[in-house]
Amino acid sequence: MNGNGVHPAIRPLEVPVKTIEIDLAAVVADREISVRGDLLGCWLAPDTNAEIGIRFQTRSEPLIPFRQGMFLELSFDRIFITNPVVGVGTMYLIYGDSSAARIHANPSDVGVLTAIRDELAGDVLGEGFGAAVVGVAAAVAVAANADRKGLHVQAGLGNAGTINIGQTNAVTVANGIQLVAGQSFWLDDYRGPLWGIATAAGQRLNWFEV
């Protein structure tokens, strides 16, 4: 227990969104947390089988199982959390008042909302990187990638000619984005193919995607 009477494995986060972080590696039984609201649910868990039990208001109430995507609407000002077995990772609960109850309307959207959160937070690992050789005929320099969130390209430092890039095979040396040696360009939230054409054969285009 800390000075607020909350077990260190179960603690409210000091963030604008009302959440509770639970360390599944710590076994706890009916640990009390003073939180107020009328909506509580499991926002994110290490896997869909991770489960804890929660009682509302008193320890004599039934233990309700919670897994990722499960939400419950009822008024409370305290909860009692049980994690009966040692697990791995962290589970995140979300709670609030009736103004947040709209979250309960689509619990199946948790995966979509999680993907949005991950995109806003940024990736730990990029999608990939490489280099393409661009010639005097338009060709795909970087293939489409449905998981890509952004693409950064740079004309090779040793290039003697210029490279023009575009989104289709209609790119020419007179349109699109033109890059001289060493210049780079960032495409945000583009998942399609990147075409390239150069004023000379054998021009290098370096790229990485996130």
Protein backbone atom coordinates (compact mmCIF):
# COMPACT_ATOMS: atom_id res chain seq x y z
CA MET A 1 0.00 0.00 0.00
CA ASN A 2 1.17 3.55 -0.64
CA GLY A 3 0.23 6.65 1.34
CA ASN A 4 -3.11 6.86 -0.47
CA GLY A 5 -4.07 3.32 0.45
CA VAL A 6 -3.57 2.02 -3.08
CA HIS A 7 -1.53 -1.09 -3.79
CA PRO A 8 1.54 -0.12 -5.90
CA ALA A 9 0.55 -2.69 -8.55
CA ILE A 10 -2.81 -0.95 -9.04
CA ARG A 11 -2.65 2.81 -9.38
CA PRO A 12 -4.58 5.59 -11.10
CA LEU A 13 -2.55 7.32 -13.81
CA GLU A 14 -2.02 11.08 -13.63
CA VAL A 15 -3.25 11.71 -17.18
CA PRO A 16 -6.28 13.63 -18.54
CA VAL A 17 -8.04 10.39 -19.49
CA LYS A 18 -9.34 8.57 -16.43
CA THR A 19 -7.52 5.26 -16.44
CA ILE A 20 -6.20 2.67 -14.03
CA GLU A 21 -3.06 0.66 -14.75
CA ILE A 22 -2.87 -2.88 -13.39
CA ASP A 23 0.33 -4.90 -13.20
CA LEU A 24 -0.78 -8.45 -14.00
CA ALA A 25 2.44 -9.84 -12.51
CA ALA A 26 1.16 -8.94 -9.02
CA VAL A 27 -1.43 -11.20 -7.39
CA VAL A 28 -3.97 -9.13 -5.43
CA ALA A 29 -7.29 -9.88 -3.74
CA ASP A 30 -10.02 -7.26 -3.28
CA ARG A 31 -7.65 -4.29 -3.34
CA GLU A 32 -9.71 -1.14 -2.87
CA ILE A 33 -9.41 1.89 -5.15
CA SER A 34 -11.46 5.04 -4.58
CA VAL A 35 -12.66 6.16 -8.00
CA ARG A 36 -16.01 7.65 -8.99
CA GLY A 37 -18.07 7.19 -12.13
CA ASP A 38 -20.81 5.25 -13.84
CA LEU A 39 -18.79 3.59 -16.59
CA LEU A 40 -15.85 1.20 -16.24
CA GLY A 41 -14.27 -1.12 -18.75
CA CYS A 42 -11.12 -2.87 -19.84
CA TRP A 43 -9.53 -0.69 -22.51
CA LEU A 44 -6.41 -2.71 -23.26
CA ALA A 45 -4.81 -5.97 -22.12
CA PRO A 46 -1.71 -7.96 -23.14
CA ASP A 47 -3.98 -10.54 -24.76
CA THR A 48 -7.69 -11.31 -25.02
CA ASN A 49 -7.46 -14.08 -22.39
CA ALA A 50 -6.07 -11.83 -19.64
CA GLU A 51 -8.77 -11.47 -16.96
CA ILE A 52 -9.24 -9.81 -13.59
CA GLY A 53 -12.22 -9.62 -11.22
CA ILE A 54 -13.84 -6.42 -9.93
CA ARG A 55 -16.38 -5.80 -7.18
CA PHE A 56 -18.24 -2.50 -6.96
CA GLN A 57 -18.87 -0.56 -3.75
CA THR A 58 -18.28 -3.36 -1.20
CA ARG A 59 -16.34 -6.59 -0.87
CA SER A 60 -19.63 -8.46 -0.41
CA GLU A 61 -20.74 -7.75 -4.00
CA PRO A 62 -20.28 -10.41 -6.70
CA LEU A 63 -16.88 -10.57 -8.40
CA ILE A 64 -17.38 -9.54 -12.04
CA PRO A 65 -14.78 -10.76 -14.60
CA PHE A 66 -13.26 -8.18 -16.95
CA ARG A 67 -11.36 -8.79 -20.17
CA GLN A 68 -10.35 -6.47 -22.99
CA GLY A 69 -13.39 -4.89 -24.61
CA MET A 70 -15.75 -5.50 -21.66
CA PHE A 71 -17.55 -2.42 -20.28
CA LEU A 72 -20.14 -1.97 -17.55
CA GLU A 73 -22.39 0.97 -16.73
CA LEU A 74 -23.34 1.48 -13.07
CA SER A 75 -22.69 4.13 -10.44
CA PHE A 76 -19.73 3.59 -8.12
CA ASP A 77 -17.30 5.49 -5.93
CA ARG A 78 -14.98 2.62 -5.14
CA ILE A 79 -13.96 -0.67 -6.70
CA PHE A 80 -12.20 -3.79 -5.42
CA ILE A 81 -9.79 -5.51 -7.80
CA THR A 82 -8.71 -9.15 -7.73
CA ASN A 83 -5.95 -10.62 -9.85
CA PRO A 84 -5.86 -14.27 -8.73
CA VAL A 85 -2.88 -15.54 -10.74
CA VAL A 86 0.49 -14.20 -11.82
CA GLY A 87 0.30 -12.90 -15.37
CA VAL A 88 2.44 -10.93 -17.79
CA GLY A 89 2.10 -7.31 -18.85
CA THR A 90 -0.23 -4.48 -17.96
CA MET A 91 -4.00 -4.13 -18.18
CA TYR A 92 -5.60 -0.72 -18.59
CA LEU A 93 -9.06 0.11 -17.26
CA ILE A 94 -10.95 3.21 -18.30
CA TYR A 95 -13.64 4.86 -16.18
CA GLY A 96 -15.68 8.03 -16.04
CA ASP A 97 -19.08 9.65 -15.66
CA SER A 98 -22.14 9.56 -17.91
CA SER A 99 -20.56 11.96 -20.42
CA ALA A 100 -18.16 9.15 -21.30
CA ALA A 101 -20.89 6.51 -21.59
CA ARG A 102 -20.85 6.74 -25.38
CA ILE A 103 -17.72 4.56 -25.25
CA HIS A 104 -19.95 1.71 -24.11
CA ALA A 105 -22.03 1.91 -27.26
CA ASN A 106 -19.37 0.23 -29.42
CA PRO A 107 -17.13 -2.02 -27.31
CA SER A 108 -16.21 -3.92 -30.49
CA ASP A 109 -14.39 -0.79 -31.66
CA VAL A 110 -11.65 -1.20 -29.05
CA GLY A 111 -9.28 -2.60 -31.69
CA VAL A 112 -9.86 0.38 -33.96
CA LEU A 113 -9.40 2.88 -31.13
CA THR A 114 -6.24 1.08 -30.04
CA ALA A 115 -4.86 1.35 -33.59
CA ILE A 116 -5.59 5.09 -33.57
CA ARG A 117 -3.84 5.45 -30.24
CA ASP A 118 -0.81 3.54 -31.51
CA GLU A 119 -0.63 5.69 -34.65
CA LEU A 120 -0.72 8.89 -32.61
CA ALA A 121 1.92 7.55 -30.22
CA GLY A 122 4.28 6.48 -33.02
CA ASP A 123 5.91 3.16 -33.76
CA VAL A 124 8.66 1.49 -31.77
CA LEU A 125 9.86 -0.25 -34.94
CA GLY A 126 9.65 1.09 -38.48
CA GLU A 127 8.06 -0.78 -41.37
CA GLY A 128 11.29 -0.99 -43.35
CA PHE A 129 13.99 0.83 -45.27
CA GLY A 130 15.98 0.40 -48.44
CA ALA A 131 17.14 1.98 -51.67
CA ALA A 132 15.83 1.94 -55.23
CA VAL A 133 17.60 2.56 -58.52
CA VAL A 134 15.61 5.03 -60.62
CA GLY A 135 16.11 5.34 -64.37
CA VAL A 136 14.82 7.33 -67.32
CA ALA A 137 11.53 5.39 -67.49
CA ALA A 138 8.86 5.76 -64.79
CA ALA A 139 8.78 2.76 -62.45
CA VAL A 140 7.73 1.90 -58.89
CA ALA A 141 10.52 2.95 -56.56
CA VAL A 142 8.79 2.01 -53.28
CA ALA A 143 5.99 -0.55 -53.20
CA ALA A 144 2.61 0.06 -51.56
CA ASN A 145 2.34 -0.90 -47.90
CA ALA A 146 -1.05 -0.97 -46.14
CA ASP A 147 0.64 -0.77 -42.71
CA ARG A 148 2.72 2.29 -43.54
CA LYS A 149 1.98 5.56 -41.74
CA GLY A 150 4.66 7.68 -43.35
CA LEU A 151 7.40 7.46 -45.98
CA HIS A 152 10.69 9.39 -46.10
CA VAL A 153 12.75 9.41 -49.31
CA GLN A 154 16.10 10.98 -50.13
CA ALA A 155 17.97 11.32 -53.42
CA GLY A 156 21.39 9.68 -53.16
CA LEU A 157 24.29 12.01 -52.42
CA GLY A 158 26.20 10.71 -55.41
CA ASN A 159 23.44 11.22 -57.96
CA ALA A 160 24.44 13.10 -61.10
CA GLY A 161 20.86 13.64 -62.26
CA THR A 162 17.57 14.61 -60.62
CA ILE A 163 14.73 12.32 -59.56
CA ASN A 164 11.04 13.15 -59.86
CA ILE A 165 8.59 11.20 -57.68
CA GLY A 166 4.81 10.84 -57.89
CA GLN A 167 1.94 8.56 -57.02
CA THR A 168 1.34 7.05 -60.48
CA ASN A 169 3.18 6.10 -63.66
CA ALA A 170 2.20 9.52 -65.06
CA VAL A 171 5.18 11.07 -63.26
CA THR A 172 7.75 12.67 -65.59
CA VAL A 173 10.86 14.80 -65.20
CA ALA A 174 8.55 17.80 -65.60
CA ASN A 175 6.04 17.08 -62.79
CA GLY A 176 5.74 15.55 -59.34
CA ILE A 177 8.33 16.34 -56.67
CA GLN A 178 11.87 16.87 -57.97
CA LEU A 179 14.84 15.88 -55.82
CA VAL A 180 18.46 16.78 -56.49
CA ALA A 181 21.30 14.88 -54.84
CA GLY A 182 20.89 14.88 -51.06
CA GLN A 183 17.38 16.35 -51.02
CA SER A 184 14.64 14.50 -49.12
CA PHE A 185 10.87 14.47 -48.96
CA TRP A 186 8.39 13.20 -46.34
CA LEU A 187 4.98 11.73 -47.24
CA ASP A 188 2.67 11.60 -44.25
CA ASP A 189 -0.04 8.93 -44.08
CA TYR A 190 0.51 7.63 -47.63
CA ARG A 191 0.23 3.87 -48.18
CA GLY A 192 0.26 3.58 -51.95
CA PRO A 193 3.19 3.00 -54.34
CA LEU A 194 5.77 5.69 -55.02
CA TRP A 195 6.83 6.04 -58.64
CA GLY A 196 10.06 7.61 -59.78
CA ILE A 197 11.79 8.77 -62.94
CA ALA A 198 15.21 10.37 -63.38
CA THR A 199 17.07 12.54 -65.88
CA ALA A 200 19.83 9.93 -66.04
CA ALA A 201 20.08 6.18 -65.57
CA GLY A 202 21.13 4.59 -62.30
CA GLN A 203 20.04 7.29 -59.85
CA ARG A 204 19.68 6.20 -56.24
CA LEU A 205 16.60 6.87 -54.07
CA ASN A 206 16.98 5.96 -50.38
CA TRP A 207 13.80 5.40 -48.34
CA PHE A 208 12.42 4.35 -45.00
CA GLU A 209 8.83 3.92 -43.84
CA VAL A 210 7.15 3.94 -40.44
